[in-house]
């Protein structure tokens, strides 16, 4: 007779602490098999890239270091979920599958529907506690802030490992032999590393040291690299929960420190959850404009524009520096993310669907709900939000007036004075000789005239916005 087990499926909740799904799995009282499915379909999905899989593997390695103390580990297998569950059923009677809800892409939703159909056919009860306070199937978001606040103020939950039962080492090795497993080792890289241990270091450094810099540095592309929390990848992949971060913020407030910065930070923390909640309710935002009036907007694809934007060669230094920075490091502050999307959507007048997956690959903290919510908002497709058509030159003078960030990522401009590094098109023939610099050769001329393109975008977006209101 096969042994009865609970299968715990780690998804975007790669932690032990404040993991309600884990608490629920332990409460069932049966031996638990911990599993992570590195799905082949995920490996080829265009939204994901090596930097994401490195972060996931580092998070799993960190989990396994914690689980070593409990004489168990996560079964790391490269398998589609339903196929993997079938193989597990060959060895065990699975009474329960437990996982945290995932607010993901269309393909992960399709996979979850397949799992949802598979479980009752095999007498498996699938339990899915909510993700970071996001409510599945919410029809009305008017009371959403109240619901979110109720979630984050609840006590942090910690598993009682005295009640944890896991499958034996012998059984684990037997089931592991049936799968193609994957190593959690990663090569050296320069991105933020994944895992709870790394997350705790960033949490500590932000709330004990860097939070005092937040209000001043949050909008600066250079200062934000230190002043911002840098916690977004750890939240996105579930190394920490929103609730844990919120409670840390409340502690700082109680100490009467960094009042302005903490107020801005908590507002953004809440906004993060709101975007995911909105995406859960309007999942077709992945493919088309959220507001129907914008779906007929004619935005002819211009491959030259798109390629120049991706390469950081638009001729607008702050845009190009931001693109090159995110490609190289996986991080960019919120304002610059908004700026590059606005430039693409308005000044180049291109539809977000042509770069949505590519841009997701570059963000280490890729979170589908936030990603598509921001693409929609910065494209001007959410009629209730202010239409934001960012002027990259104005933003450069406001947030990088000495062109430090620009010169860091555009070394071809490093010998120019700040004004000319921000506006290289102002170079005179004499300047070009003096600085040994040729606009159009050493750095591109502006790909468009933003005064003209801004007016065109305003005109084309105004009619649908008026129609939707």
Protein backbone atom coordinates (compact mmCIF):
# COMPACT_ATOMS: atom_id res chain seq x y z
CA UNK A 1 0.00 0.00 0.00
CA UNK A 2 1.35 3.42 -0.99
CA UNK A 3 2.16 5.93 1.73
CA UNK A 4 -0.08 8.98 2.02
CA UNK A 5 1.67 12.31 1.58
CA UNK A 6 1.01 16.00 1.14
CA UNK A 7 2.82 17.62 -1.79
CA UNK A 8 3.92 21.19 -1.09
CA UNK A 9 4.50 23.05 -4.36
CA UNK A 10 6.76 26.09 -4.06
CA UNK A 11 5.85 28.76 -6.59
CA UNK A 12 6.50 32.48 -6.04
CA UNK A 13 6.72 31.95 -2.29
CA UNK A 14 10.33 30.83 -1.91
CA UNK A 15 10.55 31.16 1.87
CA UNK A 16 9.63 29.38 5.08
CA UNK A 17 8.77 32.46 7.16
CA UNK A 18 5.27 33.99 6.98
CA UNK A 19 4.19 31.33 4.49
CA UNK A 20 0.52 30.56 5.16
CA UNK A 21 0.52 27.70 2.67
CA UNK A 22 3.32 25.99 4.59
CA UNK A 23 1.42 26.41 7.86
CA UNK A 24 -1.61 24.79 6.23
CA UNK A 25 0.44 21.90 4.85
CA UNK A 26 1.96 21.16 8.25
CA UNK A 27 -1.48 21.25 9.90
CA UNK A 28 -2.64 18.33 7.72
CA UNK A 29 -0.41 16.05 9.77
CA UNK A 30 0.88 13.93 6.89
CA UNK A 31 4.46 13.55 5.62
CA UNK A 32 5.26 16.42 3.25
CA UNK A 33 7.13 16.22 -0.04
CA UNK A 34 8.44 19.67 -0.93
CA UNK A 35 8.68 20.23 -4.70
CA UNK A 36 9.73 22.94 -7.13
CA UNK A 37 8.78 22.37 -10.75
CA UNK A 38 11.13 24.11 -13.17
CA UNK A 39 8.70 23.77 -16.05
CA UNK A 40 10.10 23.39 -19.58
CA UNK A 41 7.30 25.71 -20.72
CA UNK A 42 8.58 28.34 -18.29
CA UNK A 43 12.14 27.94 -19.54
CA UNK A 44 11.09 28.88 -23.08
CA UNK A 45 8.56 31.57 -22.19
CA UNK A 46 9.86 34.90 -23.62
CA UNK A 47 9.17 36.78 -20.36
CA UNK A 48 11.87 34.86 -18.50
CA UNK A 49 15.65 34.87 -18.80
CA UNK A 50 18.75 33.44 -17.18
CA UNK A 51 18.81 36.13 -14.49
CA UNK A 52 15.39 34.95 -13.25
CA UNK A 53 16.37 31.29 -13.17
CA UNK A 54 19.59 32.14 -11.33
CA UNK A 55 17.57 34.00 -8.71
CA UNK A 56 15.14 31.09 -8.36
CA UNK A 57 17.96 28.55 -8.01
CA UNK A 58 19.74 30.66 -5.40
CA UNK A 59 16.46 30.95 -3.50
CA UNK A 60 15.98 27.17 -3.60
CA UNK A 61 19.57 26.58 -2.49
CA UNK A 62 18.95 28.88 0.47
CA UNK A 63 15.71 27.05 1.28
CA UNK A 64 17.55 23.74 1.23
CA UNK A 65 20.15 25.07 3.65
CA UNK A 66 17.29 25.82 6.04
CA UNK A 67 15.67 22.46 5.37
CA UNK A 68 18.95 20.65 6.06
CA UNK A 69 18.31 21.32 9.74
CA UNK A 70 14.99 19.51 9.37
CA UNK A 71 16.52 16.52 7.56
CA UNK A 72 14.62 17.22 4.36
CA UNK A 73 14.99 19.23 1.15
CA UNK A 74 13.08 20.56 -1.83
CA UNK A 75 12.80 18.15 -4.76
CA UNK A 76 14.02 20.31 -7.63
CA UNK A 77 12.75 18.78 -10.86
CA UNK A 78 12.58 19.93 -14.46
CA UNK A 79 9.10 18.78 -15.36
CA UNK A 80 5.68 20.10 -16.27
CA UNK A 81 3.49 20.10 -13.17
CA UNK A 82 0.83 17.59 -14.18
CA UNK A 83 3.45 15.21 -15.60
CA UNK A 84 5.41 15.51 -12.36
CA UNK A 85 2.35 14.85 -10.22
CA UNK A 86 1.62 11.71 -12.22
CA UNK A 87 5.10 10.35 -11.45
CA UNK A 88 4.69 11.21 -7.76
CA UNK A 89 1.40 9.30 -7.76
CA UNK A 90 3.27 6.23 -8.98
CA UNK A 91 5.10 6.22 -5.65
CA UNK A 92 2.70 7.81 -3.15
CA UNK A 93 -0.96 8.42 -2.48
CA UNK A 94 -1.19 12.21 -2.62
CA UNK A 95 -4.08 13.39 -0.47
CA UNK A 96 -3.34 17.11 -0.71
CA UNK A 97 -1.49 19.50 -2.95
CA UNK A 98 -0.71 22.79 -1.20
CA UNK A 99 0.62 25.94 -2.86
CA UNK A 100 0.32 29.69 -2.55
CA UNK A 101 -1.96 31.28 -5.15
CA UNK A 102 -0.10 32.68 -8.14
CA UNK A 103 -1.21 35.78 -10.01
CA UNK A 104 0.72 35.05 -13.16
CA UNK A 105 0.70 35.13 -16.92
CA UNK A 106 -1.84 33.52 -19.21
CA UNK A 107 0.30 30.42 -19.58
CA UNK A 108 0.66 29.88 -15.80
CA UNK A 109 -3.10 30.40 -15.42
CA UNK A 110 -3.65 27.74 -18.10
CA UNK A 111 -1.29 25.40 -16.24
CA UNK A 112 -3.17 26.02 -12.99
CA UNK A 113 -6.43 25.16 -14.70
CA UNK A 114 -4.90 21.89 -15.87
CA UNK A 115 -3.75 21.14 -12.32
CA UNK A 116 -7.19 22.10 -11.02
CA UNK A 117 -8.77 19.54 -13.35
CA UNK A 118 -6.15 16.87 -12.58
CA UNK A 119 -6.48 16.99 -8.79
CA UNK A 120 -10.15 15.91 -8.33
CA UNK A 121 -9.70 13.24 -11.00
CA UNK A 122 -7.04 11.74 -8.74
CA UNK A 123 -8.72 12.38 -5.38
CA UNK A 124 -6.30 15.19 -4.50
CA UNK A 125 -7.52 18.26 -2.64
CA UNK A 126 -5.66 21.38 -3.80
CA UNK A 127 -5.35 24.06 -1.10
CA UNK A 128 -4.26 27.54 -2.17
CA UNK A 129 -3.92 30.25 0.50
CA UNK A 130 -3.91 33.79 -0.88
CA UNK A 131 -0.83 35.58 -2.16
CA UNK A 132 0.27 38.74 -0.26
CA UNK A 133 -3.32 39.73 0.48
CA UNK A 134 -4.47 39.54 -3.15
CA UNK A 135 -8.08 38.36 -3.38
CA UNK A 136 -8.89 35.99 -6.22
CA UNK A 137 -12.17 36.63 -8.03
CA UNK A 138 -12.69 40.07 -6.48
CA UNK A 139 -15.48 41.82 -8.39
CA UNK A 140 -15.34 45.22 -6.73
CA UNK A 141 -12.09 46.93 -5.68
CA UNK A 142 -13.69 49.83 -3.84
CA UNK A 143 -12.89 48.31 -0.42
CA UNK A 144 -9.57 46.90 -1.53
CA UNK A 145 -7.38 49.20 0.58
CA UNK A 146 -9.31 48.19 3.70
CA UNK A 147 -8.85 44.50 2.86
CA UNK A 148 -5.13 45.00 2.20
CA UNK A 149 -4.63 46.85 5.48
CA UNK A 150 -6.42 44.05 7.35
CA UNK A 151 -4.02 41.56 5.77
CA UNK A 152 -0.76 43.41 6.50
CA UNK A 153 -1.60 44.15 10.14
CA UNK A 154 -2.31 40.51 10.92
CA UNK A 155 0.47 38.72 12.85
CA UNK A 156 3.30 37.16 10.90
CA UNK A 157 2.88 33.39 10.86
CA UNK A 158 5.77 31.06 11.61
CA UNK A 159 5.67 27.29 11.10
CA UNK A 160 5.88 25.03 14.13
CA UNK A 161 8.40 22.49 12.95
CA UNK A 162 7.72 20.29 15.97
CA UNK A 163 4.62 19.22 14.04
CA UNK A 164 6.38 18.81 10.71
CA UNK A 165 6.53 15.33 9.20
CA UNK A 166 8.52 14.79 6.04
CA UNK A 167 9.08 11.76 3.86
CA UNK A 168 12.08 9.60 4.73
CA UNK A 169 15.46 10.09 3.11
CA UNK A 170 15.07 6.68 1.45
CA UNK A 171 11.68 7.62 -0.01
CA UNK A 172 13.03 10.99 -1.15
CA UNK A 173 15.92 9.38 -3.00
CA UNK A 174 13.55 6.87 -4.60
CA UNK A 175 11.20 9.54 -5.93
CA UNK A 176 14.11 11.78 -6.97
CA UNK A 177 15.52 9.02 -9.16
CA UNK A 178 12.36 9.08 -11.29
CA UNK A 179 12.89 12.69 -12.37
CA UNK A 180 15.25 14.87 -14.32
CA UNK A 181 16.49 17.06 -11.50
CA UNK A 182 18.34 20.37 -11.82
CA UNK A 183 21.23 21.80 -9.86
CA UNK A 184 20.69 24.93 -7.78
CA UNK A 185 24.29 26.01 -8.33
CA UNK A 186 24.79 29.20 -10.34
CA UNK A 187 27.78 30.81 -11.98
CA UNK A 188 29.23 34.10 -10.80
CA UNK A 189 27.15 37.12 -11.84
CA UNK A 190 26.63 40.76 -10.89
CA UNK A 191 22.87 40.76 -10.20
CA UNK A 192 21.32 40.75 -6.74
CA UNK A 193 21.42 37.19 -5.44
CA UNK A 194 18.28 35.29 -4.53
CA UNK A 195 17.25 33.73 -1.23
CA UNK A 196 15.95 34.55 2.20
CA UNK A 197 19.43 35.12 3.61
CA UNK A 198 20.19 37.76 0.97
CA UNK A 199 16.75 39.31 1.43
CA UNK A 200 17.34 39.75 5.15
CA UNK A 201 20.62 41.56 4.46
CA UNK A 202 18.87 44.03 2.15
CA UNK A 203 15.98 44.48 4.61
CA UNK A 204 18.39 45.20 7.45
CA UNK A 205 20.55 47.64 5.48
CA UNK A 206 17.51 49.54 4.22
CA UNK A 207 15.68 49.94 7.50
CA UNK A 208 18.77 50.59 9.63
CA UNK A 209 20.81 52.76 7.24
CA UNK A 210 19.44 53.58 3.80
CA UNK A 211 15.83 54.52 4.61
CA UNK A 212 17.04 58.00 5.65
CA UNK A 213 18.13 58.56 2.03
CA UNK A 214 14.91 57.30 0.46
CA UNK A 215 12.86 60.50 0.14
CA UNK A 216 15.74 62.44 -1.39
CA UNK A 217 17.06 59.70 -3.66
CA UNK A 218 13.97 57.80 -4.82
CA UNK A 219 13.65 59.68 -8.13
CA UNK A 220 17.33 59.90 -8.96
CA UNK A 221 18.53 57.18 -11.35
CA UNK A 222 21.92 57.19 -9.62
CA UNK A 223 21.09 57.82 -5.94
CA UNK A 224 18.15 55.39 -6.03
CA UNK A 225 20.53 52.47 -6.45
CA UNK A 226 21.43 52.99 -2.80
CA UNK A 227 18.52 55.02 -1.45
CA UNK A 228 15.73 52.70 -2.63
CA UNK A 229 15.05 49.51 -0.70
CA UNK A 230 16.09 47.18 -3.55
CA UNK A 231 13.66 44.65 -2.05
CA UNK A 232 11.49 44.27 -5.16
CA UNK A 233 13.09 41.03 -6.45
CA UNK A 234 12.80 39.46 -2.99
CA UNK A 235 9.13 40.37 -2.86
CA UNK A 236 8.49 39.30 -6.46
CA UNK A 237 9.98 35.82 -5.96
CA UNK A 238 8.63 35.44 -2.45
CA UNK A 239 11.80 35.50 -0.34
CA UNK A 240 9.92 37.93 1.92
CA UNK A 241 6.26 38.78 2.27
CA UNK A 242 4.62 42.16 1.89
CA UNK A 243 3.39 41.80 5.46
CA UNK A 244 6.92 41.40 6.82
CA UNK A 245 8.10 44.52 5.00
CA UNK A 246 5.06 46.51 6.11
CA UNK A 247 5.70 45.66 9.75
CA UNK A 248 9.34 46.74 9.43
CA UNK A 249 8.08 50.05 8.05
CA UNK A 250 5.75 50.47 11.02
CA UNK A 251 8.67 49.93 13.39
CA UNK A 252 10.57 52.77 11.75
CA UNK A 253 7.49 54.98 12.03
CA UNK A 254 7.22 54.18 15.74
CA UNK A 255 10.85 55.27 16.16
CA UNK A 256 9.91 58.60 14.56
CA UNK A 257 12.56 58.20 11.83
CA UNK A 258 12.55 59.06 8.13
CA UNK A 259 8.89 60.09 8.24
CA UNK A 260 8.64 61.36 4.67
CA UNK A 261 10.56 58.45 3.20
CA UNK A 262 8.56 55.80 5.06
CA UNK A 263 5.29 57.42 4.02
CA UNK A 264 6.32 57.27 0.35
CA UNK A 265 7.68 53.73 0.77
CA UNK A 266 4.49 52.33 2.35
CA UNK A 267 2.36 54.01 -0.33
CA UNK A 268 4.44 52.25 -3.00
CA UNK A 269 4.23 48.98 -1.11
CA UNK A 270 0.44 49.25 -1.18
CA UNK A 271 0.50 50.29 -4.84
CA UNK A 272 2.54 47.18 -5.64
CA UNK A 273 -0.24 44.98 -4.29
CA UNK A 274 -2.91 47.09 -5.96
CA UNK A 275 -1.41 46.58 -9.42
CA UNK A 276 -1.33 42.82 -8.87
CA UNK A 277 -4.93 42.86 -7.65
CA UNK A 278 -5.98 44.83 -10.72
CA UNK A 279 -4.17 42.37 -12.99
CA UNK A 280 -5.92 39.48 -11.26
CA UNK A 281 -9.24 41.09 -12.16
CA UNK A 282 -8.21 42.18 -15.68
CA UNK A 283 -5.81 39.48 -16.84
CA UNK A 284 -6.28 40.35 -20.52
CA UNK A 285 -4.06 43.39 -19.87
CA UNK A 286 -1.23 41.08 -20.89
CA UNK A 287 -2.38 41.30 -24.50
CA UNK A 288 -4.38 44.46 -25.13
CA UNK A 289 -5.35 47.87 -23.80
CA UNK A 290 -7.24 47.71 -20.52
CA UNK A 291 -9.78 50.28 -21.72
CA UNK A 292 -11.62 49.12 -24.88
CA UNK A 293 -11.57 52.62 -26.41
CA UNK A 294 -7.79 52.32 -26.92
CA UNK A 295 -7.90 48.95 -28.68
CA UNK A 296 -8.53 50.53 -32.07
CA UNK A 297 -5.64 52.97 -31.71
CA UNK A 298 -3.42 52.72 -34.79
CA UNK A 299 0.22 52.27 -33.74
CA UNK A 300 2.09 50.92 -36.78
CA UNK A 301 5.06 48.80 -35.79
CA UNK A 302 8.39 50.49 -36.55
CA UNK A 303 11.20 47.95 -36.16
CA UNK A 304 13.86 50.64 -36.51
CA UNK A 305 12.42 52.54 -33.53
CA UNK A 306 12.05 49.39 -31.43
CA UNK A 307 15.57 48.13 -32.15
CA UNK A 308 17.10 51.53 -31.36
CA UNK A 309 15.14 51.72 -28.10
CA UNK A 310 16.24 48.21 -27.03
CA UNK A 311 19.86 49.00 -27.85
CA UNK A 312 19.86 52.28 -25.93
CA UNK A 313 20.52 54.26 -29.10
CA UNK A 314 17.59 56.66 -29.40
CA UNK A 315 19.76 59.78 -29.19
CA UNK A 316 18.14 60.80 -25.88
CA UNK A 317 20.83 60.17 -23.25
CA UNK A 318 18.67 59.59 -20.17
CA UNK A 319 16.51 57.10 -22.07
CA UNK A 320 19.54 55.30 -23.48
CA UNK A 321 21.43 55.23 -20.17
CA UNK A 322 18.37 53.81 -18.42
CA UNK A 323 17.92 51.07 -21.01
CA UNK A 324 21.57 50.06 -20.87
CA UNK A 325 21.49 50.11 -17.06
CA UNK A 326 18.48 47.78 -16.78
CA UNK A 327 19.90 45.38 -19.36
CA UNK A 328 23.21 45.19 -17.49
CA UNK A 329 22.04 45.22 -13.87
CA UNK A 330 18.37 44.15 -13.79
CA UNK A 331 17.46 47.21 -11.74
CA UNK A 332 16.12 50.68 -12.49
CA UNK A 333 14.15 53.00 -10.25
CA UNK A 334 10.43 53.56 -10.78
CA UNK A 335 10.70 57.01 -12.37
CA UNK A 336 13.18 55.88 -15.00
CA UNK A 337 11.11 52.77 -15.75
CA UNK A 338 8.15 55.05 -16.32
CA UNK A 339 10.24 57.35 -18.49
CA UNK A 340 11.54 54.65 -20.86
CA UNK A 341 8.07 53.16 -21.32
CA UNK A 342 6.49 56.58 -21.87
CA UNK A 343 9.17 57.46 -24.43
CA UNK A 344 8.56 54.19 -26.25
CA UNK A 345 4.76 54.43 -26.17
CA UNK A 346 4.34 58.15 -26.84
CA UNK A 347 7.36 59.59 -28.60
CA UNK A 348 7.96 56.46 -30.68
CA UNK A 349 4.23 55.67 -30.61
CA UNK A 350 4.71 51.92 -30.42
CA UNK A 351 2.40 49.36 -28.81
CA UNK A 352 3.64 47.77 -25.58
CA UNK A 353 3.05 44.22 -26.86
CA UNK A 354 6.16 44.48 -29.05
CA UNK A 355 8.52 44.95 -26.09
CA UNK A 356 6.58 43.60 -23.08
CA UNK A 357 8.29 40.20 -22.99
CA UNK A 358 11.74 41.62 -23.77
CA UNK A 359 11.44 44.18 -21.00
CA UNK A 360 10.23 41.50 -18.57
CA UNK A 361 13.42 39.54 -19.29
CA UNK A 362 15.54 42.48 -18.17
CA UNK A 363 13.75 43.21 -14.86
CA UNK A 364 15.14 40.94 -12.15
CA UNK A 365 12.01 41.74 -10.14
CA UNK A 366 9.62 40.78 -12.97
CA UNK A 367 6.13 40.53 -11.47
CA UNK A 368 3.40 40.06 -14.14
CA UNK A 369 0.76 42.21 -12.45
CA UNK A 370 3.06 45.16 -11.89
CA UNK A 371 4.73 44.76 -15.26
CA UNK A 372 1.56 44.89 -17.31
CA UNK A 373 -0.10 47.41 -15.03
CA UNK A 374 2.81 49.78 -15.60
CA UNK A 375 2.92 49.15 -19.35
CA UNK A 376 -0.77 50.01 -19.52
CA UNK A 377 -0.54 53.10 -17.34
CA UNK A 378 2.59 54.56 -18.92
CA UNK A 379 1.16 53.88 -22.40
CA UNK A 380 -1.82 56.03 -21.46
CA UNK A 381 -4.27 53.12 -21.76
CA UNK A 382 -5.80 53.57 -18.29
CA UNK A 383 -8.20 56.44 -18.82
CA UNK A 384 -8.58 57.38 -15.14
CA UNK A 385 -4.85 58.03 -14.67
CA UNK A 386 -3.02 61.19 -15.64
CA UNK A 387 -1.53 60.97 -19.14
CA UNK A 388 2.23 60.94 -18.50
CA UNK A 389 4.36 61.94 -21.48
CA UNK A 390 7.79 62.30 -19.95
CA UNK A 391 10.32 64.74 -21.35
CA UNK A 392 13.67 62.90 -21.03
CA UNK A 393 15.71 66.09 -21.26
CA UNK A 394 13.74 67.86 -18.55
CA UNK A 395 14.00 64.77 -16.35
CA UNK A 396 17.74 64.63 -16.91
CA UNK A 397 18.19 68.19 -15.67
CA UNK A 398 15.92 67.50 -12.69
CA UNK A 399 17.34 64.14 -11.63
CA UNK A 400 20.81 63.83 -13.20
CA UNK A 401 21.90 67.45 -13.61
CA UNK A 402 25.61 66.59 -13.55
CA UNK A 403 25.05 63.75 -16.03
CA UNK A 404 26.73 61.26 -13.69
CA UNK A 405 24.26 58.48 -14.42
CA UNK A 406 24.29 59.28 -18.13
CA UNK A 407 28.08 59.16 -18.34
CA UNK A 408 28.22 55.97 -16.29
CA UNK A 409 26.12 54.10 -18.87
CA UNK A 410 27.03 56.08 -21.98
CA UNK A 411 30.83 56.22 -21.84
CA UNK A 412 30.85 57.75 -25.32
CA UNK A 413 29.59 60.95 -23.65
CA UNK A 414 31.96 60.93 -20.67
CA UNK A 415 34.27 63.68 -21.96
CA UNK A 416 31.46 66.15 -22.68
CA UNK A 417 30.39 68.76 -20.12
CA UNK A 418 27.14 67.90 -18.32
CA UNK A 419 24.93 70.15 -20.47
CA UNK A 420 26.19 68.62 -23.70
CA UNK A 421 26.04 65.10 -22.28
CA UNK A 422 22.34 65.74 -21.53
CA UNK A 423 21.71 67.50 -24.87
CA UNK A 424 24.45 66.37 -27.30
CA UNK A 425 22.51 67.82 -30.24
CA UNK A 426 23.57 71.26 -28.97
CA UNK A 427 27.17 70.58 -29.97
CA UNK A 428 28.48 73.19 -32.40
CA UNK A 429 31.02 72.30 -35.13
CA UNK A 430 33.66 73.95 -32.94
CA UNK A 431 32.56 71.84 -29.94
CA UNK A 432 32.89 68.68 -32.01
CA UNK A 433 36.47 69.56 -32.88
CA UNK A 434 37.32 70.55 -29.30
CA UNK A 435 35.85 67.43 -27.72
CA UNK A 436 36.83 65.13 -30.60
CA UNK A 437 33.23 64.02 -30.83
CA UNK A 438 30.98 63.63 -33.85
CA UNK A 439 27.22 63.49 -33.30
CA UNK A 440 25.78 60.80 -35.52
CA UNK A 441 29.01 58.80 -35.44
CA UNK A 442 30.02 58.62 -31.77
CA UNK A 443 26.45 58.84 -30.51
CA UNK A 444 23.15 58.84 -32.45
CA UNK A 445 21.26 61.94 -33.39
CA UNK A 446 17.78 62.10 -31.77
CA UNK A 447 15.57 59.47 -33.37
CA UNK A 448 12.54 61.80 -33.21
CA UNK A 449 11.75 65.40 -32.30
CA UNK A 450 9.99 65.07 -28.95
CA UNK A 451 8.20 68.40 -29.26
CA UNK A 452 6.49 67.14 -32.41
CA UNK A 453 5.89 63.58 -31.18
CA UNK A 454 4.44 64.78 -27.89
CA UNK A 455 1.83 66.84 -29.71
CA UNK A 456 0.95 63.92 -32.00
CA UNK A 457 0.62 61.50 -29.08
CA UNK A 458 -1.57 63.92 -27.15
CA UNK A 459 -3.86 64.35 -30.13
CA UNK A 460 -4.16 60.62 -30.84
CA UNK A 461 -4.71 59.63 -27.20
CA UNK A 462 -7.12 62.42 -26.33
CA UNK A 463 -10.10 61.17 -28.37
CA UNK A 464 -10.14 57.60 -26.90
CA UNK A 465 -9.68 58.99 -23.39
CA UNK A 466 -12.61 61.36 -23.87
CA UNK A 467 -14.71 58.50 -25.27
CA UNK A 468 -13.92 56.24 -22.29
CA UNK A 469 -14.92 58.83 -19.69
